Amino acid sequence: MYPGAYPWALAPSEVPLPPASPGPGFEPTDLPDCPSGHAVFQVAVALALSEDGAVRGISVGLRCPEDGALCLYVDNAHALPDTP
């Protein structure tokens, strides 16, 4: 985010988001996994913006550079302004 911008938070949805970091309830199986067992990924992030430039959605895709396996890790999660 840039100075003066409203921070945003991802809205709860019916599809649970992947865990952001290890913590309560985190399982190693929650981490992305390449079908070939590789642990390095290329990441692509797409932001959906409103007319005023505010972030309204986010998608995250992962690709294994070793074998080309693709995974849409977060699919259009809705972002809401998180006003203080």
N, C-alpha and C. Protein backbone atom coordinates (compact mmCIF):
# COMPACT_ATOMS: atom_id res chain seq x y z
N MET A 1 0.84 -1.18 0.00
CA MET A 1 0.00 0.00 0.00
C MET A 1 0.89 1.24 0.00
N TYR A 2 0.35 2.30 -0.43
CA TYR A 2 1.10 3.55 -0.45
C TYR A 2 0.58 4.47 0.65
N PRO A 3 1.41 5.43 1.12
CA PRO A 3 1.00 6.30 2.23
C PRO A 3 -0.31 7.01 1.93
N GLY A 4 -1.18 7.06 2.90
CA GLY A 4 -2.46 7.73 2.76
C GLY A 4 -3.57 6.84 2.24
N ALA A 5 -3.25 5.64 1.80
CA ALA A 5 -4.27 4.74 1.26
C ALA A 5 -4.95 4.00 2.41
N TYR A 6 -6.20 3.65 2.19
CA TYR A 6 -6.89 2.82 3.17
C TYR A 6 -6.35 1.40 3.06
N PRO A 7 -6.00 0.78 4.15
CA PRO A 7 -5.63 -0.64 4.06
C PRO A 7 -6.88 -1.46 3.72
N TRP A 8 -6.68 -2.67 3.27
CA TRP A 8 -7.81 -3.53 2.95
C TRP A 8 -7.64 -4.88 3.61
N ALA A 9 -8.75 -5.55 3.74
CA ALA A 9 -8.78 -6.88 4.34
C ALA A 9 -9.57 -7.79 3.40
N LEU A 10 -9.23 -9.07 3.38
CA LEU A 10 -9.99 -10.01 2.56
C LEU A 10 -11.26 -10.39 3.27
N ALA A 11 -12.36 -10.35 2.54
CA ALA A 11 -13.68 -10.65 3.10
C ALA A 11 -13.82 -12.15 3.29
N PRO A 12 -14.49 -12.58 4.36
CA PRO A 12 -14.78 -14.01 4.52
C PRO A 12 -15.66 -14.50 3.37
N SER A 13 -15.45 -15.71 2.95
CA SER A 13 -16.27 -16.28 1.89
C SER A 13 -16.55 -17.75 2.21
N GLU A 14 -17.35 -18.36 1.35
CA GLU A 14 -17.67 -19.77 1.55
C GLU A 14 -16.46 -20.66 1.30
N VAL A 15 -15.54 -20.19 0.45
CA VAL A 15 -14.32 -20.94 0.16
C VAL A 15 -13.24 -20.43 1.08
N PRO A 16 -12.71 -21.26 1.98
CA PRO A 16 -11.71 -20.78 2.92
C PRO A 16 -10.42 -20.39 2.20
N LEU A 17 -9.82 -19.30 2.66
CA LEU A 17 -8.54 -18.87 2.12
C LEU A 17 -7.44 -19.76 2.66
N PRO A 18 -6.36 -19.92 1.91
CA PRO A 18 -5.24 -20.69 2.45
C PRO A 18 -4.64 -19.96 3.64
N PRO A 19 -4.03 -20.66 4.57
CA PRO A 19 -3.45 -20.00 5.74
C PRO A 19 -2.34 -19.04 5.33
N ALA A 20 -2.26 -17.89 6.01
CA ALA A 20 -1.24 -16.89 5.68
C ALA A 20 0.11 -17.27 6.25
N SER A 21 0.11 -17.95 7.37
CA SER A 21 1.38 -18.34 7.99
C SER A 21 1.10 -19.45 8.99
N PRO A 22 2.14 -20.16 9.39
CA PRO A 22 1.94 -21.19 10.41
C PRO A 22 1.37 -20.59 11.69
N GLY A 23 0.44 -21.27 12.27
CA GLY A 23 -0.18 -20.83 13.51
C GLY A 23 -1.17 -21.88 13.96
N PRO A 24 -2.10 -21.51 14.84
CA PRO A 24 -3.09 -22.48 15.32
C PRO A 24 -3.89 -23.08 14.16
N GLY A 25 -3.98 -24.36 14.15
CA GLY A 25 -4.75 -25.06 13.13
C GLY A 25 -4.00 -25.27 11.82
N PHE A 26 -2.75 -24.80 11.74
CA PHE A 26 -1.97 -24.94 10.51
C PHE A 26 -1.45 -26.37 10.40
N GLU A 27 -1.57 -26.93 9.21
CA GLU A 27 -1.07 -28.26 8.93
C GLU A 27 -0.09 -28.18 7.75
N PRO A 28 0.96 -28.98 7.74
CA PRO A 28 1.88 -28.95 6.60
C PRO A 28 1.17 -29.18 5.26
N THR A 29 0.06 -29.91 5.27
CA THR A 29 -0.67 -30.16 4.03
C THR A 29 -1.37 -28.90 3.53
N ASP A 30 -1.41 -27.81 4.34
CA ASP A 30 -2.00 -26.55 3.91
C ASP A 30 -1.11 -25.80 2.91
N LEU A 31 0.16 -26.18 2.84
CA LEU A 31 1.10 -25.53 1.93
C LEU A 31 0.85 -26.01 0.51
N PRO A 32 1.12 -25.16 -0.50
CA PRO A 32 0.97 -25.62 -1.88
C PRO A 32 1.93 -26.77 -2.15
N ASP A 33 1.52 -27.66 -3.03
CA ASP A 33 2.32 -28.85 -3.31
C ASP A 33 2.32 -29.11 -4.81
N CYS A 34 3.50 -29.25 -5.36
CA CYS A 34 3.64 -29.59 -6.77
C CYS A 34 3.42 -31.10 -6.91
N PRO A 35 2.70 -31.54 -7.93
CA PRO A 35 2.48 -32.98 -8.11
C PRO A 35 3.78 -33.78 -8.21
N SER A 36 4.87 -33.14 -8.66
CA SER A 36 6.16 -33.83 -8.78
C SER A 36 7.02 -33.69 -7.54
N GLY A 37 6.50 -33.00 -6.51
CA GLY A 37 7.22 -32.88 -5.26
C GLY A 37 8.17 -31.71 -5.16
N HIS A 38 8.17 -30.82 -6.13
CA HIS A 38 9.04 -29.64 -6.06
C HIS A 38 8.47 -28.63 -5.07
N ALA A 39 9.33 -27.79 -4.50
CA ALA A 39 8.88 -26.84 -3.49
C ALA A 39 9.15 -25.38 -3.88
N VAL A 40 9.48 -25.12 -5.13
CA VAL A 40 9.74 -23.76 -5.60
C VAL A 40 8.65 -23.40 -6.60
N PHE A 41 8.06 -22.22 -6.43
CA PHE A 41 6.97 -21.78 -7.30
C PHE A 41 7.23 -20.39 -7.83
N GLN A 42 6.73 -20.12 -9.02
CA GLN A 42 6.61 -18.76 -9.53
C GLN A 42 5.22 -18.30 -9.14
N VAL A 43 5.10 -17.03 -8.76
CA VAL A 43 3.83 -16.51 -8.26
C VAL A 43 3.35 -15.37 -9.16
N ALA A 44 2.06 -15.37 -9.47
CA ALA A 44 1.43 -14.27 -10.19
C ALA A 44 0.27 -13.76 -9.34
N VAL A 45 0.17 -12.46 -9.20
CA VAL A 45 -0.91 -11.84 -8.42
C VAL A 45 -1.68 -10.91 -9.33
N ALA A 46 -3.00 -11.01 -9.31
CA ALA A 46 -3.87 -10.13 -10.07
C ALA A 46 -4.77 -9.38 -9.11
N LEU A 47 -4.85 -8.07 -9.27
CA LEU A 47 -5.72 -7.24 -8.45
C LEU A 47 -6.86 -6.71 -9.30
N ALA A 48 -8.08 -6.80 -8.79
CA ALA A 48 -9.24 -6.19 -9.43
C ALA A 48 -9.46 -4.85 -8.75
N LEU A 49 -9.47 -3.79 -9.54
CA LEU A 49 -9.61 -2.45 -8.98
C LEU A 49 -10.97 -1.85 -9.31
N SER A 50 -11.48 -1.00 -8.41
CA SER A 50 -12.72 -0.28 -8.68
C SER A 50 -12.39 0.95 -9.53
N GLU A 51 -13.40 1.69 -9.95
CA GLU A 51 -13.17 2.87 -10.78
C GLU A 51 -12.28 3.91 -10.10
N ASP A 52 -12.33 3.96 -8.77
CA ASP A 52 -11.50 4.94 -8.06
C ASP A 52 -10.11 4.39 -7.73
N GLY A 53 -9.78 3.19 -8.21
CA GLY A 53 -8.46 2.61 -8.01
C GLY A 53 -8.31 1.80 -6.74
N ALA A 54 -9.37 1.63 -5.97
CA ALA A 54 -9.30 0.84 -4.74
C ALA A 54 -9.27 -0.66 -5.08
N VAL A 55 -8.54 -1.43 -4.31
CA VAL A 55 -8.47 -2.88 -4.50
C VAL A 55 -9.81 -3.49 -4.08
N ARG A 56 -10.41 -4.27 -4.97
CA ARG A 56 -11.69 -4.92 -4.68
C ARG A 56 -11.61 -6.43 -4.73
N GLY A 57 -10.56 -6.98 -5.32
CA GLY A 57 -10.42 -8.43 -5.41
C GLY A 57 -8.97 -8.79 -5.67
N ILE A 58 -8.62 -10.00 -5.28
CA ILE A 58 -7.26 -10.48 -5.48
C ILE A 58 -7.30 -11.95 -5.87
N SER A 59 -6.44 -12.31 -6.83
CA SER A 59 -6.25 -13.70 -7.23
C SER A 59 -4.76 -14.00 -7.20
N VAL A 60 -4.41 -15.21 -6.82
CA VAL A 60 -3.01 -15.62 -6.75
C VAL A 60 -2.87 -16.97 -7.45
N GLY A 61 -1.95 -17.02 -8.41
CA GLY A 61 -1.67 -18.26 -9.12
C GLY A 61 -0.24 -18.70 -8.86
N LEU A 62 -0.03 -20.00 -8.81
CA LEU A 62 1.29 -20.57 -8.60
C LEU A 62 1.64 -21.47 -9.79
N ARG A 63 2.92 -21.47 -10.18
CA ARG A 63 3.40 -22.33 -11.25
C ARG A 63 4.73 -22.93 -10.85
N CYS A 64 4.86 -24.24 -11.02
CA CYS A 64 6.12 -24.92 -10.76
C CYS A 64 7.01 -24.75 -11.99
N PRO A 65 8.18 -24.10 -11.85
CA PRO A 65 9.05 -23.91 -13.01
C PRO A 65 9.71 -25.20 -13.50
N GLU A 66 9.70 -26.23 -12.67
CA GLU A 66 10.34 -27.51 -13.05
C GLU A 66 9.49 -28.30 -14.04
N ASP A 67 8.18 -28.37 -13.78
CA ASP A 67 7.34 -29.19 -14.66
C ASP A 67 6.13 -28.45 -15.22
N GLY A 68 5.98 -27.17 -14.87
CA GLY A 68 4.90 -26.36 -15.44
C GLY A 68 3.54 -26.55 -14.78
N ALA A 69 3.45 -27.29 -13.68
CA ALA A 69 2.17 -27.48 -13.00
C ALA A 69 1.62 -26.13 -12.54
N LEU A 70 0.33 -25.88 -12.77
CA LEU A 70 -0.32 -24.63 -12.42
C LEU A 70 -1.37 -24.84 -11.34
N CYS A 71 -1.55 -23.84 -10.50
CA CYS A 71 -2.57 -23.90 -9.45
C CYS A 71 -3.09 -22.49 -9.20
N LEU A 72 -4.40 -22.31 -9.23
CA LEU A 72 -5.01 -21.05 -8.82
C LEU A 72 -5.22 -21.15 -7.33
N TYR A 73 -4.35 -20.50 -6.56
CA TYR A 73 -4.31 -20.67 -5.11
C TYR A 73 -5.38 -19.85 -4.40
N VAL A 74 -5.60 -18.62 -4.85
CA VAL A 74 -6.67 -17.76 -4.33
C VAL A 74 -7.42 -17.25 -5.56
N ASP A 75 -8.73 -17.47 -5.60
CA ASP A 75 -9.52 -17.10 -6.77
C ASP A 75 -10.48 -15.96 -6.45
N ASN A 76 -10.13 -14.76 -6.87
CA ASN A 76 -10.97 -13.57 -6.74
C ASN A 76 -11.53 -13.39 -5.33
N ALA A 77 -10.66 -13.41 -4.33
CA ALA A 77 -11.08 -13.11 -2.96
C ALA A 77 -11.44 -11.63 -2.90
N HIS A 78 -12.56 -11.32 -2.31
CA HIS A 78 -13.03 -9.93 -2.25
C HIS A 78 -12.30 -9.15 -1.17
N ALA A 79 -11.84 -7.96 -1.54
CA ALA A 79 -11.12 -7.09 -0.61
C ALA A 79 -12.07 -5.97 -0.18
N LEU A 80 -12.10 -5.72 1.11
CA LEU A 80 -12.94 -4.66 1.68
C LEU A 80 -12.05 -3.62 2.33
N PRO A 81 -12.45 -2.35 2.26
CA PRO A 81 -11.67 -1.34 2.98
C PRO A 81 -11.67 -1.67 4.47
N ASP A 82 -10.51 -1.55 5.09
CA ASP A 82 -10.37 -1.83 6.51
C ASP A 82 -10.10 -0.50 7.21
N THR A 83 -11.17 0.25 7.43
CA THR A 83 -11.02 1.57 8.04
C THR A 83 -10.81 1.46 9.53
N PRO A 84 -9.94 2.32 10.07
CA PRO A 84 -9.65 2.26 11.51
C PRO A 84 -10.81 2.63 12.38
